[in-house]
Amino acid sequence: MVSVQDAFSILKNSLPESKEVEYTLLQARNHVLSQALYSPIYMPPFRQSAMDGFALCLHDTLEYDIIGEIKAGDTHQMTLLPGQAIKIFTGAAVPDSTQTVIQFEKTSVKEGIVLLQEQTKSGVNVRPIGEQISEGDLALGKGTVLNAAAIGFLAGLGFTSVMVYKNPTIGIVITGNELVKPGNTLEYGKVYESNAIMLQSALSDANFDVIALYEVNDDFENTKNKLRDALSANDVVLVSGGISVGDYDFVARALKELMVETLFYKVNQKPGKPLFAGKLQDKIIFALPGNPAACLTCFYVYVLPTISILSGKTTHYNPSKTISLAHDYSVRNTRSQFLKVSIVNDEASVLSHQNSSMLNTFSVANGLLYLSEGEYELEKGAKVDIYHI
């Protein structure tokens, strides 16, 4: 059995290299840039009007002769003399011979003459070339998560595709003869299967997709065959249940026959002690406890950081934050413990129903409180380590 910190260290030192792939901008959404990007153009690439109004070639009076019009997207260029103006619209190219743009609201027009309400200064309402970024400047750095704004920014610079870290493909293997799909009659001795949809939802919340779901009966050959299929098709495999030492827990034996290297088996923690982590070439496999709360705890603490590292979204485990405890709490632990908590105003309150089989308070929790093993007292206001979920 390993400690929580040792488990983190073992995983960190065992992960394969992240994979790179070229995606279109839309495909690249929520992925991480694997290379820095530099602007191929100036943005804006021309002097650009920031308003609907008149572009002016300045002179000493308030009257200007209107000699034309430029709309956004027009490509013709005009040359104005002092005292001349053109009607112009937001986003349109401002002629080099004009110095400023005055909005319509500050003017009046009569018989081809625009009259200003007051004198205006040079450079007003004109976006200079390269105001946002110059050609050759860093646009987005390696490691940037491509959100909607980043995608729009890159499209505006003319990019159509980018190199990103590939999200790992993920398969989920569900074991247990006692499991029944929701919607079916629940016979005596059976329970509804919830871990599959729970893990799929947790992955989706983090912008990862499940490629395949594998259902296994408690039979050794079936277990081995489904695990082989999952490992051949996915970068990361999550197994729910079957990793303990019961007569019908076949996962450990099947993994051994499939030549999966054991990274660790059992962690000195509660819940989630019977966690298994293994590796087969460049594939990572987690055998998670079957109890739902223990399964989800191990997902947040170990699985999510692993796939986030592989996808370039983070570089480390143990992404905890130190906040205050909202009340006194007595610790009597022979193992490190992860407790479901509610965090309000940067204070954590320990919730009820901490049993590894219970999801009811997990449903309203927004963090996991980490407590090291031992016997000690925590007073209200004590600083504690929290995993946000």
Protein backbone atom coordinates (compact mmCIF):
# COMPACT_ATOMS: atom_id res chain seq x y z
CA MET A 1 0.00 0.00 0.00
CA VAL A 2 1.29 3.46 -0.93
CA SER A 3 0.64 6.91 0.48
CA VAL A 4 -1.37 9.51 -1.40
CA GLN A 5 1.74 11.55 -2.18
CA ASP A 6 3.66 8.46 -3.29
CA ALA A 7 0.77 7.56 -5.61
CA PHE A 8 1.00 11.03 -7.17
CA SER A 9 4.75 10.68 -7.64
CA ILE A 10 4.48 7.21 -9.17
CA LEU A 11 1.85 8.36 -11.65
CA LYS A 12 3.76 11.50 -12.59
CA ASN A 13 6.89 9.48 -13.36
CA SER A 14 4.98 6.84 -15.35
CA LEU A 15 2.93 8.90 -17.78
CA PRO A 16 3.63 8.64 -21.51
CA GLU A 17 4.46 11.70 -23.58
CA SER A 18 1.49 13.84 -24.56
CA LYS A 19 0.48 13.40 -28.18
CA GLU A 20 0.20 16.28 -30.66
CA VAL A 21 -2.35 16.59 -33.43
CA GLU A 22 -3.33 19.23 -35.97
CA TYR A 23 -6.96 20.29 -35.64
CA THR A 24 -9.15 22.82 -37.36
CA LEU A 25 -10.00 25.75 -35.12
CA LEU A 26 -13.42 24.38 -34.28
CA GLN A 27 -12.00 20.94 -33.48
CA ALA A 28 -9.34 22.60 -31.32
CA ARG A 29 -11.83 24.20 -28.94
CA ASN A 30 -10.99 23.41 -25.29
CA HIS A 31 -7.70 21.82 -26.35
CA VAL A 32 -4.25 23.10 -25.38
CA LEU A 33 -1.79 24.62 -27.81
CA SER A 34 1.32 22.47 -28.15
CA GLN A 35 3.23 25.20 -30.01
CA ALA A 36 3.43 28.95 -29.65
CA LEU A 37 1.64 30.92 -32.38
CA TYR A 38 2.88 34.18 -33.89
CA SER A 39 0.74 36.64 -35.76
CA PRO A 40 1.12 36.45 -39.55
CA ILE A 41 -0.47 39.90 -39.98
CA TYR A 42 -1.04 43.24 -38.31
CA MET A 43 -4.41 43.48 -36.61
CA PRO A 44 -6.08 45.59 -37.69
CA PRO A 45 -4.23 45.35 -41.01
CA PHE A 46 -5.29 48.90 -41.99
CA ARG A 47 -6.36 52.10 -40.26
CA GLN A 48 -9.86 51.20 -39.17
CA SER A 49 -12.88 53.28 -38.23
CA ALA A 50 -14.16 52.67 -34.70
CA MET A 51 -17.43 54.52 -35.36
CA ASP A 52 -20.09 55.28 -37.92
CA GLY A 53 -19.40 58.87 -38.94
CA PHE A 54 -17.28 61.04 -41.20
CA ALA A 55 -13.56 60.66 -41.86
CA LEU A 56 -12.07 64.17 -42.10
CA CYS A 57 -9.07 65.75 -43.74
CA LEU A 58 -8.76 68.47 -41.11
CA HIS A 59 -8.75 72.21 -41.75
CA ASP A 60 -9.57 75.35 -39.75
CA THR A 61 -13.37 75.57 -40.09
CA LEU A 62 -16.28 73.37 -38.99
CA GLU A 63 -17.59 72.77 -42.53
CA TYR A 64 -16.44 69.90 -44.76
CA ASP A 65 -17.39 68.88 -48.29
CA ILE A 66 -18.64 65.27 -48.48
CA ILE A 67 -16.96 63.60 -51.48
CA GLY A 68 -17.85 59.94 -51.06
CA GLU A 69 -18.53 56.94 -48.83
CA ILE A 70 -16.62 53.90 -47.58
CA LYS A 71 -18.36 50.85 -46.08
CA ALA A 72 -16.79 48.03 -44.13
CA GLY A 73 -15.21 45.69 -46.66
CA ASP A 74 -14.76 48.29 -49.41
CA THR A 75 -11.34 47.94 -51.01
CA HIS A 76 -11.09 51.18 -52.97
CA GLN A 77 -8.78 53.86 -51.61
CA MET A 78 -9.54 57.56 -51.64
CA THR A 79 -7.38 60.66 -51.25
CA LEU A 80 -8.91 63.71 -49.54
CA LEU A 81 -7.79 67.30 -49.48
CA PRO A 82 -8.07 69.60 -46.45
CA GLY A 83 -11.69 70.47 -45.86
CA GLN A 84 -13.04 67.28 -47.41
CA ALA A 85 -14.89 64.39 -45.71
CA ILE A 86 -16.19 60.96 -46.55
CA LYS A 87 -19.05 59.10 -44.95
CA ILE A 88 -17.59 56.03 -43.22
CA PHE A 89 -18.88 53.07 -41.23
CA THR A 90 -17.52 51.02 -38.33
CA GLY A 91 -14.79 48.60 -39.44
CA ALA A 92 -14.15 50.38 -42.73
CA ALA A 93 -10.65 51.35 -43.89
CA VAL A 94 -9.81 54.97 -43.04
CA PRO A 95 -7.96 56.74 -45.88
CA ASP A 96 -4.38 57.74 -45.09
CA SER A 97 -5.21 61.32 -46.07
CA THR A 98 -7.68 61.68 -43.19
CA GLN A 99 -6.76 62.23 -39.56
CA THR A 100 -9.90 61.52 -37.57
CA VAL A 101 -13.44 60.15 -37.58
CA ILE A 102 -16.28 62.11 -36.02
CA GLN A 103 -19.47 60.22 -35.19
CA PHE A 104 -22.73 61.13 -36.92
CA GLU A 105 -24.26 62.34 -33.66
CA LYS A 106 -21.83 65.27 -33.46
CA THR A 107 -22.61 66.54 -36.95
CA SER A 108 -25.39 67.84 -39.18
CA VAL A 109 -25.57 67.49 -42.96
CA LYS A 110 -27.05 69.88 -45.53
CA GLU A 111 -26.62 69.89 -49.30
CA GLY A 112 -23.41 67.86 -49.38
CA ILE A 113 -21.82 69.73 -46.51
CA VAL A 114 -21.17 68.24 -43.05
CA LEU A 115 -21.13 70.74 -40.19
CA LEU A 116 -19.33 69.78 -36.98
CA GLN A 117 -20.74 70.80 -33.62
CA GLU A 118 -17.19 71.43 -32.37
CA GLN A 119 -13.59 71.06 -33.47
CA THR A 120 -12.19 67.53 -33.24
CA LYS A 121 -8.69 66.24 -32.61
CA SER A 122 -6.47 64.10 -34.82
CA GLY A 123 -6.58 60.33 -34.20
CA VAL A 124 -10.04 60.20 -32.63
CA ASN A 125 -12.05 57.03 -33.41
CA VAL A 126 -9.33 55.63 -35.67
CA ARG A 127 -7.81 52.26 -34.80
CA PRO A 128 -4.16 52.32 -35.88
CA ILE A 129 -2.56 49.49 -37.84
CA GLY A 130 -1.43 46.78 -35.43
CA GLU A 131 -3.31 48.27 -32.47
CA GLN A 132 -4.20 44.76 -31.24
CA ILE A 133 -1.11 42.90 -32.43
CA SER A 134 1.77 43.42 -34.85
CA GLU A 135 3.00 40.99 -37.46
CA GLY A 136 5.46 38.55 -35.88
CA ASP A 137 4.35 39.18 -32.31
CA LEU A 138 3.37 36.30 -30.02
CA ALA A 139 -0.33 35.66 -30.49
CA LEU A 140 -0.88 32.79 -28.03
CA GLY A 141 1.72 30.90 -26.05
CA LYS A 142 2.27 27.17 -25.84
CA GLY A 143 -0.01 25.75 -23.15
CA THR A 144 -2.92 28.12 -23.82
CA VAL A 145 -6.34 26.53 -23.46
CA LEU A 146 -8.33 27.45 -26.55
CA ASN A 147 -11.60 28.93 -25.34
CA ALA A 148 -14.13 30.67 -27.56
CA ALA A 149 -12.28 34.01 -27.44
CA ALA A 150 -8.97 32.37 -28.36
CA ILE A 151 -10.60 30.59 -31.30
CA GLY A 152 -12.09 33.87 -32.51
CA PHE A 153 -8.78 35.69 -32.06
CA LEU A 154 -6.91 33.09 -34.13
CA ALA A 155 -9.57 33.11 -36.84
CA GLY A 156 -9.24 36.90 -37.01
CA LEU A 157 -5.52 36.45 -37.66
CA GLY A 158 -6.21 34.06 -40.52
CA PHE A 159 -5.45 30.75 -38.84
CA THR A 160 -7.50 27.76 -40.00
CA SER A 161 -5.78 25.00 -38.02
CA VAL A 162 -3.40 24.67 -35.07
CA MET A 163 -1.24 22.07 -33.34
CA VAL A 164 -2.69 21.01 -29.99
CA TYR A 165 -2.19 18.28 -27.43
CA LYS A 166 -4.52 15.42 -28.23
CA ASN A 167 -7.02 14.56 -25.53
CA PRO A 168 -6.57 10.93 -24.50
CA THR A 169 -9.23 8.52 -25.68
CA ILE A 170 -11.01 7.06 -22.68
CA GLY A 171 -12.85 3.78 -22.22
CA ILE A 172 -14.93 2.76 -19.20
CA VAL A 173 -15.28 -0.88 -18.16
CA ILE A 174 -18.17 -1.66 -15.80
CA THR A 175 -18.09 -4.90 -13.82
CA GLY A 176 -20.58 -6.59 -11.50
CA ASN A 177 -23.35 -9.19 -11.81
CA GLU A 178 -25.31 -7.33 -9.17
CA LEU A 179 -25.81 -4.33 -11.44
CA VAL A 180 -29.06 -3.49 -13.24
CA LYS A 181 -29.52 -0.63 -15.69
CA PRO A 182 -31.87 2.11 -14.47
CA GLY A 183 -35.32 1.68 -15.96
CA ASN A 184 -35.40 -2.08 -15.39
CA THR A 185 -37.08 -3.89 -12.54
CA LEU A 186 -34.88 -4.03 -9.47
CA GLU A 187 -34.87 -7.61 -8.19
CA TYR A 188 -33.87 -8.63 -4.70
CA GLY A 189 -30.06 -8.61 -4.36
CA LYS A 190 -29.55 -6.22 -7.29
CA VAL A 191 -28.63 -2.52 -7.38
CA TYR A 192 -28.92 0.04 -10.13
CA GLU A 193 -25.68 0.71 -12.02
CA SER A 194 -24.67 4.38 -11.60
CA ASN A 195 -20.90 4.55 -11.98
CA ALA A 196 -20.85 4.54 -15.79
CA ILE A 197 -23.07 7.57 -16.27
CA MET A 198 -21.44 9.26 -13.27
CA LEU A 199 -17.95 8.90 -14.74
CA GLN A 200 -19.16 9.91 -18.20
CA SER A 201 -20.73 13.04 -16.69
CA ALA A 202 -17.60 13.91 -14.72
CA LEU A 203 -15.48 13.52 -17.85
CA SER A 204 -17.90 15.61 -19.89
CA ASP A 205 -17.83 18.35 -17.23
CA ALA A 206 -14.06 18.50 -17.75
CA ASN A 207 -14.45 18.50 -21.57
CA PHE A 208 -13.30 14.93 -22.10
CA ASP A 209 -15.26 12.38 -24.09
CA VAL A 210 -15.75 8.68 -23.43
CA ILE A 211 -15.00 6.74 -26.61
CA ALA A 212 -16.51 3.45 -25.51
CA LEU A 213 -18.34 1.78 -22.65
CA TYR A 214 -17.72 -1.90 -21.93
CA GLU A 215 -20.04 -3.98 -19.74
CA VAL A 216 -18.57 -7.07 -18.10
CA ASN A 217 -20.15 -10.04 -16.38
CA ASP A 218 -18.32 -11.49 -13.38
CA ASP A 219 -16.60 -14.12 -15.47
CA PHE A 220 -12.83 -14.29 -15.92
CA GLU A 221 -12.66 -14.82 -19.69
CA ASN A 222 -15.27 -12.16 -20.35
CA THR A 223 -13.45 -9.74 -18.07
CA LYS A 224 -10.11 -10.37 -19.77
CA ASN A 225 -11.55 -10.05 -23.27
CA LYS A 226 -13.34 -6.78 -22.51
CA LEU A 227 -10.24 -5.35 -20.86
CA ARG A 228 -8.15 -6.35 -23.88
CA ASP A 229 -10.64 -4.60 -26.18
CA ALA A 230 -10.64 -1.48 -24.02
CA LEU A 231 -6.85 -1.31 -23.83
CA SER A 232 -6.43 -1.77 -27.57
CA ALA A 233 -8.85 1.07 -28.40
CA ASN A 234 -8.11 3.68 -25.73
CA ASP A 235 -5.28 5.68 -24.18
CA VAL A 236 -6.81 5.58 -20.70
CA VAL A 237 -9.06 2.83 -19.35
CA LEU A 238 -11.21 3.20 -16.25
CA VAL A 239 -12.51 0.03 -14.61
CA SER A 240 -15.34 0.30 -12.12
CA GLY A 241 -15.33 -2.47 -9.49
CA GLY A 242 -13.91 -5.97 -9.50
CA ILE A 243 -10.46 -5.04 -8.23
CA SER A 244 -10.88 -6.37 -4.67
CA VAL A 245 -10.02 -9.87 -3.52
CA GLY A 246 -13.45 -11.50 -3.60
CA ASP A 247 -14.05 -14.84 -5.34
CA TYR A 248 -15.76 -13.02 -8.22
CA ASP A 249 -13.40 -10.06 -8.55
CA PHE A 250 -11.48 -10.98 -11.71
CA VAL A 251 -9.98 -7.66 -12.76
CA ALA A 252 -6.60 -8.03 -11.05
CA ARG A 253 -6.02 -11.52 -12.49
CA ALA A 254 -7.12 -10.42 -15.96
CA LEU A 255 -4.82 -7.41 -15.92
CA LYS A 256 -1.90 -9.60 -14.91
CA GLU A 257 -2.53 -12.01 -17.79
CA LEU A 258 -2.74 -9.05 -20.16
CA MET A 259 0.78 -8.05 -19.02
CA VAL A 260 -0.36 -4.77 -17.45
CA GLU A 261 2.40 -3.39 -15.23
CA THR A 262 1.25 -2.57 -11.71
CA LEU A 263 2.18 0.98 -10.74
CA PHE A 264 0.48 0.66 -7.37
CA TYR A 265 -2.37 -1.24 -5.79
CA LYS A 266 -4.09 0.12 -2.69
CA VAL A 267 -3.60 3.63 -1.36
CA ASN A 268 -3.53 4.51 2.32
CA GLN A 269 -6.68 6.60 2.10
CA LYS A 270 -10.37 6.59 2.85
CA PRO A 271 -12.47 6.25 0.77
CA GLY A 272 -10.78 4.54 -2.18
CA LYS A 273 -8.22 2.27 -0.58
CA PRO A 274 -8.47 -0.52 -3.26
CA LEU A 275 -7.39 1.81 -6.10
CA PHE A 276 -5.21 0.20 -8.79
CA ALA A 277 -3.08 2.06 -11.30
CA GLY A 278 -1.27 0.26 -14.10
CA LYS A 279 0.45 0.74 -17.43
CA LEU A 280 0.60 -1.22 -20.65
CA GLN A 281 3.10 0.35 -23.05
CA ASP A 282 1.71 3.91 -23.45
CA LYS A 283 -1.72 3.05 -22.01
CA ILE A 284 -2.78 3.99 -18.46
CA ILE A 285 -5.39 1.97 -16.59
CA PHE A 286 -7.18 2.77 -13.35
CA ALA A 287 -9.25 0.14 -11.57
CA LEU A 288 -11.54 2.22 -9.40
CA PRO A 289 -13.48 1.04 -6.35
CA GLY A 290 -17.03 -0.07 -7.10
CA ASN A 291 -18.60 1.97 -4.30
CA PRO A 292 -19.86 5.13 -6.03
CA ALA A 293 -18.48 7.78 -3.65
CA ALA A 294 -15.09 6.05 -3.48
CA CYS A 295 -15.09 5.74 -7.28
CA LEU A 296 -15.81 9.43 -7.78
CA THR A 297 -13.29 10.51 -5.15
CA CYS A 298 -10.53 8.55 -6.89
CA PHE A 299 -11.62 10.03 -10.19
CA TYR A 300 -11.20 13.61 -8.98
CA VAL A 301 -7.97 12.99 -7.08
CA TYR A 302 -6.12 10.71 -9.53
CA VAL A 303 -7.87 10.20 -12.87
CA LEU A 304 -8.78 13.78 -13.75
CA PRO A 305 -5.27 15.14 -13.07
CA THR A 306 -3.81 12.28 -15.14
CA ILE A 307 -5.88 12.96 -18.24
CA SER A 308 -5.43 16.70 -17.75
CA ILE A 309 -1.64 16.25 -17.76
CA LEU A 310 -1.82 14.07 -20.87
CA SER A 311 -3.91 16.74 -22.62
CA GLY A 312 -1.58 19.56 -21.57
CA LYS A 313 -4.12 21.25 -19.29
CA THR A 314 -2.01 20.93 -16.17
CA THR A 315 1.43 19.70 -15.22
CA HIS A 316 0.96 18.38 -11.71
CA TYR A 317 -1.09 16.38 -9.25
CA ASN A 318 -2.36 17.59 -5.88
CA PRO A 319 -4.09 20.74 -7.20
CA SER A 320 -5.36 21.62 -3.73
CA LYS A 321 -6.18 25.03 -2.31
CA THR A 322 -5.85 26.10 1.31
CA ILE A 323 -8.99 27.61 2.84
CA SER A 324 -10.55 27.90 6.31
CA LEU A 325 -12.61 25.27 8.10
CA ALA A 326 -16.07 26.56 9.04
CA HIS A 327 -16.29 24.59 12.30
CA ASP A 328 -14.34 22.48 14.77
CA TYR A 329 -13.54 18.95 13.63
CA SER A 330 -11.97 15.96 15.37
CA VAL A 331 -9.71 13.75 13.28
CA ARG A 332 -9.32 10.07 14.18
CA ASN A 333 -7.77 8.57 11.06
CA THR A 334 -5.62 5.51 10.52
CA ARG A 335 -5.55 6.51 6.84
CA SER A 336 -5.50 9.79 4.94
CA GLN A 337 -9.05 10.88 4.30
CA PHE A 338 -10.98 12.77 1.66
CA LEU A 339 -14.19 14.28 3.04
CA LYS A 340 -17.02 15.78 1.00
CA VAL A 341 -17.44 19.46 1.89
CA SER A 342 -19.55 22.45 1.00
CA ILE A 343 -17.49 25.57 0.34
CA VAL A 344 -19.22 28.91 0.96
CA ASN A 345 -17.34 32.22 1.15
CA ASP A 346 -14.00 30.38 1.22
CA GLU A 347 -15.00 28.31 4.24
CA ALA A 348 -15.41 24.53 4.12
CA SER A 349 -18.11 22.65 6.03
CA VAL A 350 -17.88 18.87 6.30
CA LEU A 351 -21.04 17.22 5.02
CA SER A 352 -22.85 14.20 6.44
CA HIS A 353 -23.03 10.72 4.84
CA GLN A 354 -19.31 10.26 4.18
CA ASN A 355 -19.65 6.51 3.56
CA SER A 356 -17.94 5.28 0.38
CA SER A 357 -21.25 4.01 -0.99
CA MET A 358 -23.17 7.29 -0.55
CA LEU A 359 -23.62 9.93 -3.22
CA ASN A 360 -26.42 11.97 -1.67
CA THR A 361 -24.17 14.59 -0.05
CA PHE A 362 -21.59 14.23 -2.84
CA SER A 363 -24.36 15.63 -5.04
CA VAL A 364 -24.20 18.98 -3.24
CA ALA A 365 -20.48 18.99 -2.42
CA ASN A 366 -18.14 21.34 -4.26
CA GLY A 367 -14.88 20.19 -2.72
CA LEU A 368 -12.95 17.38 -1.07
CA LEU A 369 -11.18 18.08 2.21
CA TYR A 370 -7.86 16.26 2.54
CA LEU A 371 -6.85 15.17 6.04
CA SER A 372 -3.64 13.35 6.83
CA GLU A 373 -3.74 10.31 9.07
CA GLY A 374 -3.51 10.66 12.83
CA GLU A 375 -5.44 11.86 15.85
CA TYR A 376 -5.73 15.63 16.21
CA GLU A 377 -8.20 18.47 16.62
CA LEU A 378 -8.98 21.12 14.04
CA GLU A 379 -10.54 24.33 15.29
CA LYS A 380 -12.86 26.61 13.37
CA GLY A 381 -10.75 28.80 11.09
CA ALA A 382 -7.98 26.23 10.75
CA LYS A 383 -6.36 26.22 7.30
CA VAL A 384 -7.09 22.99 5.43
CA ASP A 385 -6.32 21.58 1.98
CA ILE A 386 -9.27 21.41 -0.42
CA TYR A 387 -9.67 19.83 -3.85
CA HIS A 388 -12.28 21.78 -5.81
CA ILE A 389 -14.64 19.57 -7.79
